[in-house]
C-alpha atoms as a PDB file:
ATOM      1  CA  ARG A   1       5.270  10.095  27.010  1.00  0.00           C
ATOM      2  CA  ALA A   2       3.516   8.353  24.262  1.00  0.00           C
ATOM      3  CA  GLY A   3       3.684   5.126  25.276  1.00  0.00           C
ATOM      4  CA  VAL A   4       5.259   4.462  22.093  1.00  0.00           C
ATOM      5  CA  SER A   5       8.513   2.169  21.333  1.00  0.00           C
ATOM      6  CA  GLU A   6      11.466   3.035  21.073  1.00  0.00           C
ATOM      7  CA  THR A   7      12.097   0.424  18.265  1.00  0.00           C
ATOM      8  CA  ALA A   8       8.435   1.727  16.693  1.00  0.00           C
ATOM      9  CA  THR A   9       9.598   5.164  16.868  1.00  0.00           C
ATOM     10  CA  LEU A  10      13.517   4.450  15.684  1.00  0.00           C
ATOM     11  CA  LEU A  11      11.401   2.854  12.663  1.00  0.00           C
ATOM     12  CA  GLU A  12       8.593   5.588  11.845  1.00  0.00           C
ATOM     13  CA  PHE A  13      11.802   8.336  11.698  1.00  0.00           C
ATOM     14  CA  THR A  14      13.815   5.798   9.280  1.00  0.00           C
ATOM     15  CA  SER A  15      11.254   5.566   7.039  1.00  0.00           C
ATOM     16  CA  ALA A  16       9.863   9.477   7.108  1.00  0.00           C
ATOM     17  CA  ALA A  17      13.948   9.782   6.422  1.00  0.00           C
ATOM     18  CA  ALA A  18      14.151   8.222   3.533  1.00  0.00           C
ATOM     19  CA  GLY A  19      10.946   8.913   2.009  1.00  0.00           C
ATOM     20  CA  GLY A  20      11.778  12.433   2.440  1.00  0.00           C
ATOM     21  CA  LEU A  21      14.788  12.091   0.245  1.00  0.00           C
ATOM     22  CA  ASP A  22      13.145  11.813  -3.475  1.00  0.00           C
ATOM     23  CA  HIS A  23      10.055   9.894  -5.077  1.00  0.00           C
ATOM     24  CA  TYR A  24      12.455   6.449  -5.541  1.00  0.00           C
ATOM     25  CA  SER A  25      13.726   6.474  -1.751  1.00  0.00           C
ATOM     26  CA  ALA A  26      11.511   4.207   0.507  1.00  0.00           C
ATOM     27  CA  PHE A  27      13.059   2.079   4.046  1.00  0.00           C
ATOM     28  CA  LEU A  28      11.309  -1.320   3.777  1.00  0.00           C
ATOM     29  CA  THR A  29      10.265  -3.612   6.390  1.00  0.00           C
ATOM     30  CA  ALA A  30      11.997  -7.292   6.369  1.00  0.00           C
ATOM     31  CA  ASP A  31       8.330  -8.344   5.338  1.00  0.00           C
ATOM     32  CA  GLN A  32       8.096  -5.556   2.843  1.00  0.00           C
ATOM     33  CA  LEU A  33      11.601  -6.762   1.307  1.00  0.00           C
ATOM     34  CA  ARG A  34      10.594 -10.190   0.629  1.00  0.00           C
ATOM     35  CA  ASP A  35       7.374  -9.350  -1.086  1.00  0.00           C
ATOM     36  CA  ILE A  36       9.633  -7.272  -3.326  1.00  0.00           C
ATOM     37  CA  TYR A  37      12.145 -10.013  -3.730  1.00  0.00           C
ATOM     38  CA  SER A  38       9.515 -12.478  -4.405  1.00  0.00           C
ATOM     39  CA  GLN A  39       8.166 -10.129  -6.843  1.00  0.00           C
ATOM     40  CA  ILE A  40      11.156 -10.142  -8.697  1.00  0.00           C
ATOM     41  CA  GLU A  41      12.678 -13.419  -8.892  1.00  0.00           C
ATOM     42  CA  GLY A  42       8.690 -14.810  -9.604  1.00  0.00           C
ATOM     43  CA  ASN A  43       8.239 -17.218  -7.479  1.00  0.00           C
ATOM     44  CA  PHE A  44       6.616 -17.326  -3.600  1.00  0.00           C
ATOM     45  CA  VAL A  45       4.833 -19.660  -1.064  1.00  0.00           C
ATOM     46  CA  GLY A  46       0.799 -19.478  -1.039  1.00  0.00           C
ATOM     47  CA  LEU A  47      -2.152 -19.525  -2.686  1.00  0.00           C
ATOM     48  CA  GLY A  48      -1.083 -17.772  -6.092  1.00  0.00           C
ATOM     49  CA  VAL A  49      -3.540 -14.879  -6.421  1.00  0.00           C
ATOM     50  CA  GLU A  50      -2.635 -10.940  -6.861  1.00  0.00           C
ATOM     51  CA  LEU A  51      -4.709  -8.819  -4.349  1.00  0.00           C
ATOM     52  CA  LYS A  52      -6.159  -5.346  -3.694  1.00  0.00           C
ATOM     53  CA  ALA A  53      -7.925  -3.821  -0.712  1.00  0.00           C
ATOM     54  CA  ASP A  54     -11.965  -3.611  -1.404  1.00  0.00           C
ATOM     55  CA  LYS A  55     -14.307  -2.493   1.419  1.00  0.00           C
ATOM     56  CA  GLY A  56     -13.258  -4.553   4.621  1.00  0.00           C
ATOM     57  CA  ALA A  57     -12.492  -7.609   1.811  1.00  0.00           C
ATOM     58  CA  LEU A  58      -9.588  -8.626  -0.096  1.00  0.00           C
ATOM     59  CA  LEU A  59     -10.391  -8.560  -3.774  1.00  0.00           C
ATOM     60  CA  ILE A  60      -8.805 -11.286  -6.238  1.00  0.00           C
ATOM     61  CA  VAL A  61      -7.406  -9.162  -9.288  1.00  0.00           C
ATOM     62  CA  HIS A  62      -5.800 -11.879 -10.980  1.00  0.00           C
ATOM     63  CA  VAL A  63      -5.556 -16.085 -10.185  1.00  0.00           C
ATOM     64  CA  ILE A  64      -1.853 -17.004 -11.506  1.00  0.00           C
ATOM     65  CA  PRO A  65      -2.600 -19.960 -14.079  1.00  0.00           C
ATOM     66  CA  GLY A  66      -2.600 -23.707 -12.366  1.00  0.00           C
ATOM     67  CA  SER A  67      -2.164 -21.785  -9.291  1.00  0.00           C
ATOM     68  CA  PRO A  68      -3.782 -23.830  -5.590  1.00  0.00           C
ATOM     69  CA  ALA A  69      -6.367 -20.616  -5.668  1.00  0.00           C
ATOM     70  CA  GLU A  70      -7.108 -21.836  -9.263  1.00  0.00           C
ATOM     71  CA  ARG A  71      -7.216 -25.462  -8.503  1.00  0.00           C
ATOM     72  CA  ALA A  72      -9.302 -24.761  -5.512  1.00  0.00           C
ATOM     73  CA  GLY A  73     -11.897 -22.867  -7.540  1.00  0.00           C
ATOM     74  CA  ILE A  74     -11.038 -19.149  -6.462  1.00  0.00           C
ATOM     75  CA  LYS A  75     -11.344 -16.861  -9.903  1.00  0.00           C
ATOM     76  CA  ASP A  76     -10.649 -13.109 -10.626  1.00  0.00           C
ATOM     77  CA  GLY A  77     -13.486 -10.571  -8.911  1.00  0.00           C
ATOM     78  CA  ASP A  78     -14.327 -13.124  -5.881  1.00  0.00           C
ATOM     79  CA  ARG A  79     -13.724 -11.432  -2.642  1.00  0.00           C
ATOM     80  CA  ILE A  80     -11.935 -13.089   0.551  1.00  0.00           C
ATOM     81  CA  VAL A  81     -14.264 -11.735   3.007  1.00  0.00           C
ATOM     82  CA  ALA A  82     -12.178 -14.478   6.243  1.00  0.00           C
ATOM     83  CA  VAL A  83      -9.239 -15.992   6.465  1.00  0.00           C
ATOM     84  CA  ASP A  84      -8.768 -18.846   8.472  1.00  0.00           C
ATOM     85  CA  GLY A  85     -11.777 -17.901  11.012  1.00  0.00           C
ATOM     86  CA  ARG A  86     -10.875 -14.109  11.279  1.00  0.00           C
ATOM     87  CA  SER A  87     -12.845 -11.343   9.085  1.00  0.00           C
ATOM     88  CA  THR A  88     -10.817  -9.503   7.058  1.00  0.00           C
ATOM     89  CA  GLU A  89     -12.676  -6.561   8.351  1.00  0.00           C
ATOM     90  CA  GLU A  90     -11.225  -7.221  11.715  1.00  0.00           C
ATOM     91  CA  LEU A  91      -7.800  -6.965   9.935  1.00  0.00           C
ATOM     92  CA  SER A  92      -5.817  -4.648   7.935  1.00  0.00           C
ATOM     93  CA  THR A  93      -5.365  -5.465   4.424  1.00  0.00           C
ATOM     94  CA  ASP A  94      -1.549  -6.464   4.949  1.00  0.00           C
ATOM     95  CA  GLU A  95      -2.338  -8.716   8.002  1.00  0.00           C
ATOM     96  CA  ALA A  96      -5.044 -10.936   5.917  1.00  0.00           C
ATOM     97  CA  ALA A  97      -2.759 -11.138   2.726  1.00  0.00           C
ATOM     98  CA  ALA A  98      -0.099 -12.438   5.507  1.00  0.00           C
ATOM     99  CA  MET A  99      -2.264 -15.027   6.641  1.00  0.00           C
ATOM    100  CA  LEU A 100      -2.153 -16.505   2.955  1.00  0.00           C
ATOM    101  CA  THR A 101       1.392 -16.785   2.648  1.00  0.00           C
ATOM    102  CA  GLY A 102       3.092 -19.644   5.278  1.00  0.00           C
ATOM    103  CA  GLU A 103       5.207 -22.535   5.018  1.00  0.00           C
ATOM    104  CA  GLU A 104       4.745 -25.422   2.215  1.00  0.00           C
ATOM    105  CA  GLY A 105       2.569 -27.986   2.650  1.00  0.00           C
ATOM    106  CA  THR A 106       0.434 -26.125   5.092  1.00  0.00           C
ATOM    107  CA  ALA A 107      -3.230 -25.255   4.553  1.00  0.00           C
ATOM    108  CA  VAL A 108      -5.527 -22.204   5.117  1.00  0.00           C
ATOM    109  CA  ARG A 109      -9.484 -21.570   5.258  1.00  0.00           C
ATOM    110  CA  VAL A 110     -10.966 -18.707   2.922  1.00  0.00           C
ATOM    111  CA  VAL A 111     -14.670 -17.742   2.939  1.00  0.00           C
ATOM    112  CA  ALA A 112     -14.527 -16.429  -0.823  1.00  0.00           C
ATOM    113  CA  GLU A 113     -17.593 -14.385  -1.634  1.00  0.00           C
ATOM    114  CA  THR A 114     -18.778 -14.475  -5.680  1.00  0.00           C
ATOM    115  CA  ALA A 115     -21.559 -12.095  -6.121  1.00  0.00           C
ATOM    116  CA  GLY A 116     -23.507 -12.361  -2.306  1.00  0.00           C
ATOM    117  CA  GLN A 117     -22.919 -16.025  -2.651  1.00  0.00           C
ATOM    118  CA  ARG A 118     -20.213 -17.262   0.037  1.00  0.00           C
ATOM    119  CA  ARG A 119     -18.597 -20.720   0.037  1.00  0.00           C
ATOM    120  CA  GLU A 120     -15.801 -21.993   2.531  1.00  0.00           C
ATOM    121  CA  LEU A 121     -12.478 -23.361   0.967  1.00  0.00           C
ATOM    122  CA  THR A 122      -9.439 -24.855   1.815  1.00  0.00           C
ATOM    123  CA  VAL A 123      -6.406 -24.222   0.337  1.00  0.00           C
ATOM    124  CA  ARG A 124      -2.994 -25.403   0.244  1.00  0.00           C
ATOM    125  CA  ARG A 125      -0.326 -22.997   0.202  1.00  0.00           C
ATOM    126  CA  GLU A 126       2.494 -24.101  -2.502  1.00  0.00           C
ATOM    127  CA  HIS A 127       5.449 -22.649  -4.121  1.00  0.00           C
ATOM    128  CA  VAL A 128       4.178 -20.662  -6.845  1.00  0.00           C
ATOM    129  CA  GLU A 129       5.831 -19.744 -10.022  1.00  0.00           C
ATOM    130  CA  VAL A 130       4.776 -16.400 -11.369  1.00  0.00           C
ATOM    131  CA  PRO A 131       4.746 -16.405 -15.440  1.00  0.00           C
ATOM    132  CA  SER A 132       6.450 -13.781 -16.342  1.00  0.00           C
ATOM    133  CA  LEU A 133       3.923 -13.583 -19.714  1.00  0.00           C
ATOM    134  CA  GLU A 134       0.602 -14.616 -20.598  1.00  0.00           C
ATOM    135  CA  GLY A 135      -1.960 -15.030 -23.309  1.00  0.00           C
ATOM    136  CA  VAL A 136       1.230 -15.663 -25.938  1.00  0.00           C
ATOM    137  CA  LYS A 137      -0.786 -16.199 -29.049  1.00  0.00           C
ATOM    138  CA  ILE A 138      -1.411 -15.106 -32.393  1.00  0.00           C
ATOM    139  CA  THR A 139      -4.397 -13.064 -32.521  1.00  0.00           C
ATOM    140  CA  ASP A 140      -4.288 -12.334 -36.452  1.00  0.00           C
ATOM    141  CA  PRO A 141      -2.953 -15.194 -38.470  1.00  0.00           C
ATOM    142  CA  VAL A 142      -3.660 -13.550 -42.050  1.00  0.00           C
ATOM    143  CA  ASN A 143      -2.318 -10.157 -40.983  1.00  0.00           C
ATOM    144  CA  GLY A 144       0.671 -11.661 -39.054  1.00  0.00           C
ATOM    145  CA  VAL A 145      -0.252  -9.959 -36.466  1.00  0.00           C
ATOM    146  CA  ALA A 146       0.507 -11.518 -31.994  1.00  0.00           C
ATOM    147  CA  TYR A 147      -0.554 -10.640 -28.530  1.00  0.00           C
ATOM    148  CA  ILE A 148       1.989 -11.102 -25.318  1.00  0.00           C
ATOM    149  CA  LYS A 149       0.570  -9.704 -21.917  1.00  0.00           C
ATOM    150  CA  ILE A 150       3.314  -9.057 -19.537  1.00  0.00           C
ATOM    151  CA  PRO A 151       1.457  -8.607 -16.186  1.00  0.00           C
ATOM    152  CA  ALA A 152       4.904  -8.187 -14.449  1.00  0.00           C
ATOM    153  CA  PHE A 153       8.309  -7.655 -15.130  1.00  0.00           C
ATOM    154  CA  GLN A 154      10.664 -10.338 -13.133  1.00  0.00           C
ATOM    155  CA  LYS A 155      14.410 -11.553 -13.847  1.00  0.00           C
ATOM    156  CA  THR A 156      13.265 -13.919 -16.460  1.00  0.00           C
ATOM    157  CA  THR A 157      10.185 -11.713 -18.504  1.00  0.00           C
ATOM    158  CA  SER A 158      13.650 -10.689 -20.897  1.00  0.00           C
ATOM    159  CA  ARG A 159      14.420 -14.143 -21.717  1.00  0.00           C
ATOM    160  CA  ASP A 160      10.751 -15.504 -22.076  1.00  0.00           C
ATOM    161  CA  LEU A 161      10.067 -12.590 -23.959  1.00  0.00           C
ATOM    162  CA  ASP A 162      12.970 -13.109 -26.556  1.00  0.00           C
ATOM    163  CA  ALA A 163      11.737 -16.732 -26.416  1.00  0.00           C
ATOM    164  CA  ALA A 164       8.117 -16.145 -27.143  1.00  0.00           C
ATOM    165  CA  LEU A 165       8.838 -13.543 -29.983  1.00  0.00           C
ATOM    166  CA  TRP A 166      10.905 -16.162 -31.825  1.00  0.00           C
ATOM    167  CA  ASP A 167       8.173 -18.509 -31.491  1.00  0.00           C
ATOM    168  CA  LEU A 168       5.296 -16.403 -32.396  1.00  0.00           C
ATOM    169  CA  HIS A 169       8.214 -15.610 -35.781  1.00  0.00           C
ATOM    170  CA  ALA A 170       8.352 -19.145 -36.513  1.00  0.00           C
ATOM    171  CA  LYS A 171       4.212 -19.527 -36.111  1.00  0.00           C
ATOM    172  CA  GLY A 172       3.769 -16.652 -38.504  1.00  0.00           C
ATOM    173  CA  MET A 173       4.118 -13.155 -36.629  1.00  0.00           C
END
């Protein structure tokens, strides 16, 4: 009677049933599962940005160092207001973010806004390696204090952290 497809109904009931089990259970679509595996593996094909929704736009929370986005001039705090000619206001956050990913080597046109200034950029989608550690440095050489930022836990974080700690130790940490 509602005109909803049988598949959509089944997915909604399955999602609700899994979500109702406990705080740790959830039903994931194929796209959501792919995103989670990309986070765990620490690599994906795209622009190399971390996003969040922001009043009809995509706020750039973090640009991955060495990524296509960084080379194109996208910076932390920029807002993407259009993707391939479509305003992000007419798209859901997931739809707009999905338009940024695609086949390696293809390009995407984005309109980035910084402090009210808009600029159109063409960014090539590439294989992006997400570093599991950032900002590894000795901050106080006199007292041997070091700093390491772990932006996200991945499959390689333990190994990378171990190597960074030994390296910092050799430098006087």
